[in-house]
Amino acid sequence: MNHTSKLPNVDTTIFTVMSNLAKEHNAINLSQGFPNFKSDQKLIDLVVKAMNDGFNQYAPMLGALSLREAIANKFQKLYQSTYNPANEIAVTCGATQAIYTIISAFINANDEVIIFKPAYDCYEPAIAVNGGKSVAIQLNYPGYSVDWKLVENSITQKTKMIIINSPQNPCGTVFSKEDMLELERITKDTDIIVLSDEVYEHMIFDGLEHQSACLFPGLKQRTFITASFGKTFHTTGWKLGYCCGPKELMKEFIKVHQFNVYCVNHPTQIAIAEYMNDASTYDNLSQFFQQKRVLFLNALKGSKFKWIPAQATYFQVLDYSEITNENDVEFAKRLTIEKGVAAIPLSVFNENSLDEKVLRFCFAKTDKTLLEAAKILQNI
């Protein structure tokens, strides 16, 4: 059969490659971003209860009303910002589906989408599949700061969307209030849509605050916010997330969403809605993960790795330039095969595979796992 691939240059994701390699060589897997500790038994029990209570058929297309109301209440509590559960919130099959649906709803052939690199790897393929063109802005290492003048100069008549990710995966940084004000300024009086990927909003450290797009009126009116219950509640396998946005934009999102997945897992929605009645289920995450970051970095003191402590997420970037000049992909593979610790090389997320000799390590692991991994890294 003859066909033309829509993604001719896309191969297996680096997350799958490194996780498979870790499994093959029985290595400690600090590569893929998921916890290796148990989810809260209370939440699991609530899912079982929801199934026993009969919530086993299709959920409403936009999601269970109780969950949409819980999401709206959270935005009001944390950001004093309002989203209408009736037409401005949709529950999705993880944040990735929300992101893909937003891009599919708005990006046409030859539209340009500005992204910031290192960029999470689901953005560019979704843009390409819909005929769009990614315009990359490389963040400035080692602080991963944004050159907003470059962003402004990169906007053309074809610019349809700007995708931001804060807190940022893979580099663990956050956009400041000044960053968000710059974004608000350069998109003012345009038709540019902003997609704000905020899946790590509850994991911010050292007294920093999450600058959600909904806090800035000029941004909120043009922005979709995507988030992930899987990341927040240590249940990545449930693939449950949500999308919020102004009703005029959500109207187009819903058109695609209804034929993409229509609706998502019903009992988990009912359970999470009830679970969120206790705000501590997400309010305490920053402290929880900051303790793990501190544990991991303290255990690495005296090693040949260098770092700036992650500002957010559950990822820590480590500079290995004093160890070897190897390409980061090759070093990550050798680290897995020979030393028994798997990490993610950042060059695969950079423009033109820029290799800055850094690897990303996930610290959403048990203390025992982190200490075992750090002991190995200490001896490299």
Protein backbone atom coordinates (compact mmCIF):
# COMPACT_ATOMS: atom_id res chain seq x y z
CA MET A 1 0.00 0.00 0.00
CA ASN A 2 1.24 3.47 -0.86
CA HIS A 3 0.66 6.28 1.59
CA THR A 4 2.25 9.51 2.75
CA SER A 5 3.01 9.75 6.44
CA LYS A 6 1.73 12.82 8.23
CA LEU A 7 4.57 12.42 10.73
CA PRO A 8 7.50 11.14 8.65
CA ASN A 9 10.14 12.19 11.16
CA VAL A 10 8.42 10.95 14.31
CA ASP A 11 9.74 7.79 15.96
CA THR A 12 9.11 6.13 19.31
CA THR A 13 9.17 8.72 22.10
CA ILE A 14 12.26 9.04 24.25
CA PHE A 15 10.12 8.19 27.29
CA THR A 16 9.28 4.77 25.84
CA VAL A 17 12.86 4.20 24.70
CA MET A 18 14.36 4.94 28.11
CA SER A 19 11.68 3.10 30.10
CA ASN A 20 12.10 0.01 27.92
CA LEU A 21 15.86 0.22 28.35
CA ALA A 22 15.44 0.54 32.12
CA LYS A 23 13.22 -2.52 32.19
CA GLU A 24 15.58 -4.52 29.99
CA HIS A 25 18.59 -3.78 32.22
CA ASN A 26 16.75 -3.74 35.57
CA ALA A 27 17.75 -0.10 36.10
CA ILE A 28 16.20 2.38 38.51
CA ASN A 29 13.76 4.28 36.33
CA LEU A 30 13.98 8.03 36.95
CA SER A 31 13.14 8.72 33.32
CA GLN A 32 9.40 8.63 32.72
CA GLY A 33 7.33 11.02 34.85
CA PHE A 34 5.21 8.84 37.08
CA PRO A 35 5.35 7.95 40.79
CA ASN A 36 6.44 4.51 41.99
CA PHE A 37 4.51 4.90 45.23
CA LYS A 38 0.87 4.03 45.84
CA SER A 39 -2.07 6.34 45.21
CA ASP A 40 -4.16 7.40 48.18
CA GLN A 41 -6.27 4.44 49.28
CA LYS A 42 -9.13 6.82 50.05
CA LEU A 43 -9.29 7.84 46.40
CA ILE A 44 -9.15 4.24 45.21
CA ASP A 45 -11.98 3.37 47.59
CA LEU A 46 -14.02 6.26 46.19
CA VAL A 47 -13.62 4.84 42.67
CA VAL A 48 -14.80 1.43 43.85
CA LYS A 49 -17.75 3.08 45.57
CA ALA A 50 -18.64 4.98 42.38
CA MET A 51 -18.61 1.74 40.39
CA ASN A 52 -20.75 0.01 43.00
CA ASP A 53 -23.12 2.99 42.95
CA GLY A 54 -23.70 2.44 39.23
CA PHE A 55 -21.54 5.09 37.53
CA ASN A 56 -20.41 2.63 34.86
CA GLN A 57 -22.04 3.99 31.72
CA TYR A 58 -21.17 7.01 29.58
CA ALA A 59 -20.46 10.19 31.48
CA PRO A 60 -21.89 13.48 30.17
CA MET A 61 -19.84 14.66 27.19
CA LEU A 62 -18.30 17.59 29.10
CA GLY A 63 -17.71 15.44 32.17
CA ALA A 64 -19.60 14.70 35.36
CA LEU A 65 -21.22 17.91 36.59
CA SER A 66 -19.94 17.32 40.13
CA LEU A 67 -16.36 17.26 38.84
CA ARG A 68 -16.79 20.34 36.65
CA GLU A 69 -18.17 22.15 39.69
CA ALA A 70 -15.21 20.97 41.79
CA ILE A 71 -12.82 22.32 39.13
CA ALA A 72 -14.66 25.65 39.07
CA ASN A 73 -14.50 25.84 42.87
CA LYS A 74 -10.76 25.19 42.79
CA PHE A 75 -10.16 28.04 40.35
CA GLN A 76 -12.23 30.34 42.55
CA LYS A 77 -10.38 29.27 45.70
CA LEU A 78 -6.84 29.43 44.30
CA TYR A 79 -7.02 32.23 41.75
CA GLN A 80 -10.31 34.06 42.42
CA SER A 81 -11.11 33.31 38.79
CA THR A 82 -14.42 32.05 37.46
CA TYR A 83 -15.18 29.37 34.87
CA ASN A 84 -18.75 28.31 34.16
CA PRO A 85 -19.16 24.53 34.62
CA ALA A 86 -21.92 24.54 31.99
CA ASN A 87 -19.84 25.67 29.02
CA GLU A 88 -16.28 26.62 30.01
CA ILE A 89 -14.94 23.37 31.50
CA ALA A 90 -14.48 19.95 29.89
CA VAL A 91 -13.09 16.79 31.46
CA THR A 92 -10.64 15.07 29.13
CA CYS A 93 -8.66 11.87 28.68
CA GLY A 94 -5.61 13.41 30.29
CA ALA A 95 -4.05 16.77 29.48
CA THR A 96 -2.54 15.35 26.27
CA GLN A 97 -5.98 14.77 24.76
CA ALA A 98 -7.01 18.27 25.75
CA ILE A 99 -3.92 19.72 24.07
CA TYR A 100 -4.43 17.67 20.91
CA THR A 101 -8.10 18.66 20.74
CA ILE A 102 -7.33 22.38 21.14
CA ILE A 103 -4.76 22.27 18.37
CA SER A 104 -7.05 20.24 16.11
CA ALA A 105 -9.93 22.65 16.66
CA PHE A 106 -7.99 25.75 15.62
CA ILE A 107 -4.88 24.98 13.59
CA ASN A 108 -5.25 24.83 9.83
CA ALA A 109 -2.74 24.30 7.04
CA ASN A 110 0.18 26.78 7.20
CA ASP A 111 -0.88 28.29 10.53
CA GLU A 112 2.09 29.03 12.77
CA VAL A 113 2.31 28.01 16.42
CA ILE A 114 5.00 29.41 18.71
CA ILE A 115 6.41 26.93 21.22
CA PHE A 116 9.19 27.20 23.78
CA LYS A 117 12.01 24.66 23.80
CA PRO A 118 12.88 22.40 25.48
CA ALA A 119 9.24 21.54 24.79
CA TYR A 120 7.18 18.59 25.94
CA ASP A 121 6.99 16.23 22.99
CA CYS A 122 3.24 16.15 22.31
CA TYR A 123 3.00 19.70 20.95
CA GLU A 124 4.84 19.53 17.63
CA PRO A 125 3.27 16.30 16.30
CA ALA A 126 -0.23 17.62 16.97
CA ILE A 127 0.64 20.83 15.11
CA ALA A 128 2.13 18.89 12.19
CA VAL A 129 -0.79 16.47 11.85
CA ASN A 130 -3.09 19.46 11.40
CA GLY A 131 -0.88 21.05 8.76
CA GLY A 132 0.53 23.75 10.98
CA LYS A 133 4.11 24.91 11.43
CA SER A 134 5.94 25.03 14.77
CA VAL A 135 8.00 28.16 15.40
CA ALA A 136 10.48 27.35 18.17
CA ILE A 137 11.85 29.77 20.74
CA GLN A 138 14.82 28.23 22.53
CA LEU A 139 14.87 29.01 26.24
CA ASN A 140 18.17 30.37 27.55
CA TYR A 141 20.19 27.80 29.50
CA PRO A 142 20.91 27.39 32.41
CA GLY A 143 17.99 29.39 33.84
CA TYR A 144 15.69 28.63 30.87
CA SER A 145 14.59 32.26 30.63
CA VAL A 146 12.50 33.66 27.77
CA ASP A 147 13.68 36.25 25.27
CA TRP A 148 10.37 38.07 24.87
CA LYS A 149 11.74 40.40 22.21
CA LEU A 150 12.51 37.32 20.12
CA VAL A 151 9.00 36.04 20.75
CA GLU A 152 7.50 39.35 19.66
CA ASN A 153 9.66 39.42 16.52
CA SER A 154 8.62 35.87 15.68
CA ILE A 155 4.93 36.76 15.44
CA THR A 156 3.65 37.01 11.88
CA GLN A 157 0.28 37.25 10.18
CA LYS A 158 0.26 33.45 10.19
CA THR A 159 0.69 33.14 13.97
CA LYS A 160 -2.43 31.44 15.25
CA MET A 161 -1.36 30.13 18.65
CA ILE A 162 1.30 30.33 21.37
CA ILE A 163 1.80 27.31 23.63
CA ILE A 164 3.27 27.85 27.08
CA ASN A 165 4.06 25.27 29.73
CA SER A 166 4.48 26.53 33.28
CA PRO A 167 5.58 24.89 35.48
CA GLN A 168 7.78 23.66 32.66
CA ASN A 169 8.48 20.06 31.73
CA PRO A 170 11.27 19.02 31.20
CA CYS A 171 13.36 21.75 32.85
CA GLY A 172 11.42 22.37 36.09
CA THR A 173 11.14 26.17 35.87
CA VAL A 174 8.18 28.54 36.15
CA PHE A 175 7.08 31.64 34.27
CA SER A 176 7.21 34.72 36.47
CA LYS A 177 4.52 37.37 36.75
CA GLU A 178 6.68 39.53 34.48
CA ASP A 179 6.78 36.74 31.89
CA MET A 180 3.00 36.47 31.88
CA LEU A 181 2.59 40.24 31.60
CA GLU A 182 4.90 40.22 28.58
CA LEU A 183 2.82 37.47 26.98
CA GLU A 184 -0.34 39.44 27.74
CA ARG A 185 1.21 42.55 26.18
CA ILE A 186 2.40 40.99 22.93
CA THR A 187 -0.90 39.16 22.29
CA LYS A 188 -3.06 42.20 23.01
CA ASP A 189 -5.28 43.25 20.07
CA THR A 190 -4.46 40.06 18.15
CA ASP A 191 -6.41 36.91 17.31
CA ILE A 192 -3.70 34.70 18.79
CA ILE A 193 -4.92 31.86 21.00
CA VAL A 194 -2.81 30.89 24.00
CA LEU A 195 -2.64 27.29 25.16
CA SER A 196 -1.39 27.18 28.74
CA ASP A 197 -0.27 23.72 29.84
CA GLU A 198 -0.46 23.88 33.65
CA VAL A 199 -0.35 20.21 34.65
CA TYR A 200 2.23 20.81 37.41
CA GLU A 201 0.45 23.81 38.96
CA HIS A 202 0.40 22.24 42.45
CA MET A 203 4.12 21.43 42.56
CA ILE A 204 5.96 24.72 43.07
CA PHE A 205 8.81 25.20 45.53
CA ASP A 206 10.70 27.68 47.68
CA GLY A 207 7.79 30.08 48.13
CA LEU A 208 7.25 30.73 44.41
CA GLU A 209 3.68 31.10 43.18
CA HIS A 210 2.01 29.65 40.12
CA GLN A 211 1.16 32.41 37.67
CA SER A 212 -1.84 30.84 35.99
CA ALA A 213 -3.00 32.41 32.76
CA CYS A 214 -6.41 32.97 34.35
CA LEU A 215 -4.87 35.60 36.68
CA PHE A 216 -4.32 37.98 33.76
CA PRO A 217 -7.56 39.32 32.21
CA GLY A 218 -6.00 40.00 28.82
CA LEU A 219 -4.74 36.44 28.67
CA LYS A 220 -7.76 34.70 30.13
CA GLN A 221 -10.00 35.89 27.32
CA ARG A 222 -7.81 34.13 24.72
CA THR A 223 -6.44 31.18 26.71
CA PHE A 224 -7.15 27.50 27.15
CA ILE A 225 -5.80 26.04 30.39
CA THR A 226 -5.09 22.31 30.48
CA ALA A 227 -4.40 20.26 33.61
CA SER A 228 -3.97 16.68 34.77
CA PHE A 229 -5.54 14.80 37.67
CA GLY A 230 -3.11 11.97 36.93
CA LYS A 231 -0.15 14.19 37.83
CA THR A 232 -1.87 15.80 40.80
CA PHE A 233 -3.21 12.66 42.43
CA HIS A 234 -0.47 10.15 41.47
CA THR A 235 -2.79 8.28 39.08
CA THR A 236 -1.22 8.78 35.66
CA GLY A 237 -2.67 5.49 34.43
CA TRP A 238 -6.21 6.81 34.81
CA LYS A 239 -5.62 9.38 32.05
CA LEU A 240 -7.95 12.02 33.45
CA GLY A 241 -7.51 15.74 32.96
CA TYR A 242 -9.47 18.83 32.03
CA CYS A 243 -9.58 21.93 29.89
CA CYS A 244 -10.93 25.39 30.75
CA GLY A 245 -11.46 28.37 28.50
CA PRO A 246 -13.82 31.17 27.50
CA LYS A 247 -17.11 29.84 26.15
CA GLU A 248 -16.51 31.24 22.64
CA LEU A 249 -13.34 29.16 22.33
CA MET A 250 -14.72 26.16 24.22
CA LYS A 251 -17.55 25.97 21.71
CA GLU A 252 -15.03 25.00 19.01
CA PHE A 253 -13.14 22.71 21.41
CA ILE A 254 -16.33 20.79 22.17
CA LYS A 255 -17.03 20.22 18.47
CA VAL A 256 -13.81 18.23 18.16
CA HIS A 257 -13.91 16.69 21.64
CA GLN A 258 -17.27 15.03 21.04
CA PHE A 259 -15.90 13.09 18.08
CA ASN A 260 -12.44 12.55 19.54
CA VAL A 261 -13.30 10.71 22.77
CA TYR A 262 -16.89 11.95 23.44
CA CYS A 263 -16.49 11.33 27.17
CA VAL A 264 -14.02 9.80 29.59
CA ASN A 265 -13.97 7.31 32.47
CA HIS A 266 -17.06 7.90 34.59
CA PRO A 267 -16.37 6.36 38.03
CA THR A 268 -12.99 8.08 38.36
CA GLN A 269 -14.68 11.43 37.69
CA ILE A 270 -17.22 10.85 40.45
CA ALA A 271 -14.48 9.78 42.86
CA ILE A 272 -12.18 12.71 42.16
CA ALA A 273 -15.05 15.18 42.50
CA GLU A 274 -15.67 13.93 46.03
CA TYR A 275 -11.95 13.66 46.81
CA MET A 276 -11.43 17.32 45.89
CA ASN A 277 -13.83 18.42 48.62
CA ASP A 278 -10.75 18.22 50.81
CA ALA A 279 -8.45 20.93 49.42
CA SER A 280 -5.43 19.46 51.21
CA THR A 281 -5.39 16.71 48.57
CA TYR A 282 -3.75 19.21 46.23
CA ASP A 283 -2.69 22.07 48.54
CA ASN A 284 0.01 19.99 50.24
CA LEU A 285 1.70 18.70 47.09
CA SER A 286 4.32 21.45 46.90
CA GLN A 287 5.64 20.61 50.36
CA PHE A 288 5.52 16.89 49.63
CA PHE A 289 7.56 17.10 46.44
CA GLN A 290 9.91 19.80 47.70
CA GLN A 291 10.96 17.39 50.44
CA LYS A 292 11.73 14.78 47.81
CA ARG A 293 13.73 17.27 45.74
CA VAL A 294 15.75 18.25 48.82
CA LEU A 295 16.35 14.60 49.73
CA PHE A 296 17.56 13.77 46.21
CA LEU A 297 19.84 16.79 45.85
CA ASN A 298 21.30 16.44 49.35
CA ALA A 299 22.16 12.85 48.49
CA LEU A 300 23.98 14.09 45.36
CA LYS A 301 26.18 16.61 47.17
CA GLY A 302 29.84 15.96 46.42
CA SER A 303 29.09 14.25 43.11
CA LYS A 304 30.36 15.49 39.75
CA PHE A 305 26.88 16.54 38.69
CA LYS A 306 25.93 20.24 38.82
CA TRP A 307 22.47 21.71 39.18
CA ILE A 308 20.15 24.59 39.87
CA PRO A 309 17.37 23.28 42.16
CA ALA A 310 14.12 22.77 40.27
CA GLN A 311 11.62 25.55 40.89
CA ALA A 312 8.65 23.26 40.24
CA THR A 313 7.35 19.94 38.81
CA TYR A 314 8.88 16.67 39.99
CA PHE A 315 11.85 16.80 37.63
CA GLN A 316 15.42 17.81 38.36
CA VAL A 317 17.86 18.72 35.59
CA LEU A 318 21.47 17.65 36.24
CA ASP A 319 24.49 18.94 34.31
CA TYR A 320 27.01 16.15 33.61
CA SER A 321 29.59 18.23 31.70
CA GLU A 322 32.31 17.51 34.29
CA ILE A 323 31.85 13.78 33.76
CA THR A 324 31.94 13.33 29.98
CA ASN A 325 31.62 15.13 26.66
CA GLU A 326 29.32 12.42 25.32
CA ASN A 327 26.11 13.32 23.55
CA ASP A 328 23.33 13.35 26.13
CA VAL A 329 21.32 10.61 24.42
CA GLU A 330 24.31 8.28 24.35
CA PHE A 331 25.26 9.12 27.94
CA ALA A 332 21.67 8.52 29.12
CA LYS A 333 21.68 5.09 27.47
CA ARG A 334 25.10 4.19 28.91
CA LEU A 335 24.00 5.40 32.34
CA THR A 336 21.06 3.03 32.13
CA ILE A 337 22.92 0.02 30.75
CA GLU A 338 26.20 0.26 32.67
CA LYS A 339 25.25 2.05 35.90
CA GLY A 340 21.61 1.13 36.37
CA VAL A 341 19.89 4.53 36.48
CA ALA A 342 17.61 5.76 33.69
CA ALA A 343 17.11 9.47 32.91
CA ILE A 344 15.86 11.58 30.00
CA PRO A 345 18.26 13.52 27.73
CA LEU A 346 17.04 17.07 27.10
CA SER A 347 18.45 17.50 23.59
CA VAL A 348 15.48 15.60 22.15
CA PHE A 349 13.25 18.49 23.29
CA ASN A 350 15.55 21.28 22.06
CA GLU A 351 15.69 23.13 18.77
CA ASN A 352 18.02 21.34 16.36
CA SER A 353 18.71 18.77 19.10
CA LEU A 354 20.85 21.28 21.00
CA ASP A 355 22.97 19.28 23.45
CA GLU A 356 23.71 21.19 26.64
CA LYS A 357 24.98 18.12 28.56
CA VAL A 358 22.01 17.82 30.88
CA LEU A 359 19.68 14.99 31.84
CA ARG A 360 16.26 15.08 33.49
CA PHE A 361 15.62 12.92 36.55
CA CYS A 362 12.15 12.29 38.00
CA PHE A 363 12.04 12.51 41.80
CA ALA A 364 8.41 11.39 42.15
CA LYS A 365 9.71 8.19 43.70
CA THR A 366 9.95 6.62 47.13
CA ASP A 367 12.74 7.93 49.34
CA LYS A 368 14.41 4.51 49.13
CA THR A 369 14.46 4.65 45.33
CA LEU A 370 15.88 8.17 45.29
CA LEU A 371 18.63 7.33 47.76
CA GLU A 372 19.58 4.17 45.84
CA ALA A 373 19.79 6.15 42.59
CA ALA A 374 21.78 8.96 44.21
CA LYS A 375 24.29 6.46 45.62
CA ILE A 376 24.96 5.17 42.11
CA LEU A 377 25.22 8.70 40.68
CA GLN A 378 27.65 9.67 43.46
CA ASN A 379 30.12 7.09 42.17
CA ILE A 380 30.17 8.27 38.55
